C-alpha atoms as a PDB file:
ATOM      1  CA  MET A   1      -9.877 -25.352  13.961  1.00  0.00           C
ATOM      2  CA  LEU A   2      -9.346 -21.817  12.507  1.00  0.00           C
ATOM      3  CA  ARG A   3      -6.037 -22.603  11.499  1.00  0.00           C
ATOM      4  CA  GLN A   4      -6.933 -25.877   9.507  1.00  0.00           C
ATOM      5  CA  PHE A   5      -9.462 -23.555   7.940  1.00  0.00           C
ATOM      6  CA  LEU A   6      -7.016 -21.334   6.851  1.00  0.00           C
ATOM      7  CA  TYR A   7      -4.418 -24.085   5.772  1.00  0.00           C
ATOM      8  CA  HIS A   8      -6.789 -26.465   3.753  1.00  0.00           C
ATOM      9  CA  VAL A   9     -10.307 -24.409   2.702  1.00  0.00           C
ATOM     10  CA  VAL A  10      -9.207 -20.757   2.392  1.00  0.00           C
ATOM     11  CA  PRO A  11      -6.330 -22.160  -0.628  1.00  0.00           C
ATOM     12  CA  MET A  12      -9.212 -23.764  -2.220  1.00  0.00           C
ATOM     13  CA  LEU A  13     -10.905 -20.441  -2.334  1.00  0.00           C
ATOM     14  CA  VAL A  14      -8.008 -18.324  -3.497  1.00  0.00           C
ATOM     15  CA  PRO A  15      -8.284 -19.268  -7.384  1.00  0.00           C
ATOM     16  CA  PHE A  16     -12.129 -18.280  -7.315  1.00  0.00           C
ATOM     17  CA  ALA A  17     -11.535 -15.256  -5.518  1.00  0.00           C
ATOM     18  CA  MET A  18      -8.808 -13.763  -7.590  1.00  0.00           C
ATOM     19  CA  TYR A  19     -11.282 -14.760 -10.553  1.00  0.00           C
ATOM     20  CA  ALA A  20     -14.379 -13.005  -9.331  1.00  0.00           C
ATOM     21  CA  ALA A  21     -11.845  -9.859  -8.671  1.00  0.00           C
ATOM     22  CA  TYR A  22     -11.171 -10.463 -12.062  1.00  0.00           C
ATOM     23  CA  LEU A  23     -14.368 -10.345 -13.692  1.00  0.00           C
ATOM     24  CA  TRP A  24     -15.159  -7.504 -11.152  1.00  0.00           C
ATOM     25  CA  LEU A  25     -12.276  -5.156 -12.639  1.00  0.00           C
ATOM     26  CA  ARG A  26     -13.464  -6.253 -16.222  1.00  0.00           C
ATOM     27  CA  ARG A  27     -17.426  -4.975 -15.720  1.00  0.00           C
ATOM     28  CA  ARG A  28     -15.718  -2.158 -13.889  1.00  0.00           C
ATOM     29  CA  ARG A  29     -14.313  -1.067 -17.526  1.00  0.00           C
ATOM     30  CA  GLY A  30     -17.057  -1.655 -19.233  1.00  0.00           C
ATOM     31  CA  ALA A  31     -15.992  -5.048 -20.873  1.00  0.00           C
ATOM     32  CA  ALA A  32     -18.132  -8.603 -20.581  1.00  0.00           C
ATOM     33  CA  GLY A  33     -17.878 -11.191 -18.422  1.00  0.00           C
ATOM     34  CA  THR A  34     -19.725 -14.080 -16.661  1.00  0.00           C
ATOM     35  CA  TRP A  35     -18.969 -16.903 -14.535  1.00  0.00           C
ATOM     36  CA  ARG A  36     -20.294 -19.074 -17.118  1.00  0.00           C
ATOM     37  CA  GLU A  37     -17.293 -18.311 -19.279  1.00  0.00           C
ATOM     38  CA  ALA A  38     -14.955 -18.983 -16.283  1.00  0.00           C
ATOM     39  CA  PRO A  39     -12.411 -21.601 -16.734  1.00  0.00           C
ATOM     40  CA  LEU A  40     -13.803 -23.970 -14.064  1.00  0.00           C
ATOM     41  CA  THR A  41     -11.585 -26.957 -14.244  1.00  0.00           C
ATOM     42  CA  TRP A  42      -8.282 -25.193 -14.144  1.00  0.00           C
ATOM     43  CA  LEU A  43      -9.772 -22.540 -11.016  1.00  0.00           C
ATOM     44  CA  PHE A  44     -10.147 -26.031  -9.236  1.00  0.00           C
ATOM     45  CA  VAL A  45      -6.969 -27.696 -10.178  1.00  0.00           C
ATOM     46  CA  ALA A  46      -5.311 -24.351  -9.307  1.00  0.00           C
ATOM     47  CA  GLY A  47      -7.354 -24.718  -5.615  1.00  0.00           C
ATOM     48  CA  PHE A  48      -6.058 -28.279  -5.401  1.00  0.00           C
ATOM     49  CA  VAL A  49      -2.654 -27.497  -5.902  1.00  0.00           C
ATOM     50  CA  LEU A  50      -2.500 -24.630  -3.426  1.00  0.00           C
ATOM     51  CA  VAL A  51      -4.031 -27.476  -0.739  1.00  0.00           C
ATOM     52  CA  ILE A  52      -1.500 -29.892  -1.421  1.00  0.00           C
ATOM     53  CA  ALA A  53       0.864 -27.082  -1.052  1.00  0.00           C
ATOM     54  CA  SER A  54      -0.719 -26.071   2.158  1.00  0.00           C
ATOM     55  CA  PHE A  55      -0.352 -30.137   3.267  1.00  0.00           C
ATOM     56  CA  VAL A  56       3.265 -30.200   2.586  1.00  0.00           C
ATOM     57  CA  VAL A  57       3.524 -26.633   4.507  1.00  0.00           C
ATOM     58  CA  MET A  58       2.194 -27.999   7.562  1.00  0.00           C
ATOM     59  CA  ARG A  59       4.036 -31.415   7.318  1.00  0.00           C
ATOM     60  CA  LEU A  60       7.479 -29.574   7.018  1.00  0.00           C
ATOM     61  CA  GLY A  61       6.687 -26.639   8.663  1.00  0.00           C
ATOM     62  CA  GLY A  62       5.097 -27.608  11.895  1.00  0.00           C
ATOM     63  CA  ASP A  63       5.874 -26.174  15.307  1.00  0.00           C
ATOM     64  CA  GLN A  64       5.402 -29.369  17.170  1.00  0.00           C
ATOM     65  CA  GLU A  65       8.532 -30.969  18.573  1.00  0.00           C
ATOM     66  CA  THR A  66       8.753 -34.687  17.449  1.00  0.00           C
ATOM     67  CA  ASP A  67       9.155 -35.911  21.224  1.00  0.00           C
ATOM     68  CA  MET A  68       5.760 -34.237  22.362  1.00  0.00           C
ATOM     69  CA  ARG A  69       2.715 -35.707  22.845  1.00  0.00           C
ATOM     70  CA  TYR A  70      -0.981 -34.323  23.140  1.00  0.00           C
ATOM     71  CA  ARG A  71      -2.045 -34.529  26.853  1.00  0.00           C
ATOM     72  CA  PRO A  72      -5.841 -34.395  27.334  1.00  0.00           C
ATOM     73  CA  PRO A  73      -7.674 -32.278  29.705  1.00  0.00           C
ATOM     74  CA  ALA A  74      -8.195 -33.573  33.036  1.00  0.00           C
ATOM     75  CA  TYR A  75      -9.749 -33.482  36.427  1.00  0.00           C
ATOM     76  CA  VAL A  76      -7.005 -33.242  39.221  1.00  0.00           C
ATOM     77  CA  ASP A  77      -7.637 -32.854  42.781  1.00  0.00           C
ATOM     78  CA  GLY A  78     -10.713 -30.797  41.815  1.00  0.00           C
ATOM     79  CA  GLN A  79      -8.939 -28.720  39.331  1.00  0.00           C
ATOM     80  CA  ILE A  80      -9.484 -29.073  35.619  1.00  0.00           C
ATOM     81  CA  VAL A  81      -6.012 -29.235  34.030  1.00  0.00           C
ATOM     82  CA  PRO A  82      -6.458 -27.991  30.358  1.00  0.00           C
ATOM     83  CA  ALA A  83      -5.240 -29.851  27.523  1.00  0.00           C
ATOM     84  CA  GLY A  84      -1.424 -29.329  26.394  1.00  0.00           C
ATOM     85  CA  GLU A  85       1.573 -30.917  25.150  1.00  0.00           C
ATOM     86  CA  ALA A  86       3.977 -33.382  27.131  1.00  0.00           C
ATOM     87  CA  PRO A  87       7.295 -34.945  26.651  1.00  0.00           C
ATOM     88  CA  ALA A  88       6.662 -38.548  25.022  1.00  0.00           C
ATOM     89  CA  PRO A  89       7.434 -41.047  27.839  1.00  0.00           C
ATOM     90  CA  ALA A  90      11.118 -42.760  27.625  1.00  0.00           C
ATOM     91  CA  ARG A  91      10.978 -46.080  25.211  1.00  0.00           C
ATOM     92  CA  PRO A  92      12.037 -48.954  27.370  1.00  0.00           C
ATOM     93  CA  PRO A  93      15.152 -50.970  26.217  1.00  0.00           C
ATOM     94  CA  SER A  94      14.668 -53.651  24.056  1.00  0.00           C
ATOM     95  CA  PRO A  95      15.171 -56.977  25.394  1.00  0.00           C
ATOM     96  CA  ASP A  96      18.145 -58.129  23.538  1.00  0.00           C
ATOM     97  CA  GLY A  97      20.056 -54.931  25.621  1.00  0.00           C
ATOM     98  CA  GLY A  98      20.062 -53.136  22.503  1.00  0.00           C
ATOM     99  CA  ALA A  99      18.158 -49.854  21.151  1.00  0.00           C
ATOM    100  CA  PRO A 100      14.942 -49.105  22.607  1.00  0.00           C
ATOM    101  CA  ALA A 101      11.843 -51.112  21.334  1.00  0.00           C
ATOM    102  CA  ALA A 102       9.655 -49.901  18.259  1.00  0.00           C
ATOM    103  CA  GLU A 103       6.121 -48.925  19.005  1.00  0.00           C
END
């Protein structure tokens, strides 16, 4: 859950945080600047681009093997077996003897 938050919500907030830091530095130097003058459209566009980039990074840089499947928690012999990943079951051969049947 935290990983999804970091990859998807934080990138949307980064442009706004950078603009807030910019306003803080301007005020510290005595120059005027308010959120009313903020280029909100461009901040939203920049955040959206960063979120899309995070989707691409998650898809291309995922650490999950393609032949692994999620295994939910189970109750076995009086013990709770935690959730995890397990190898995917082998596909049965197709009826014509060729490649495995598609799911």
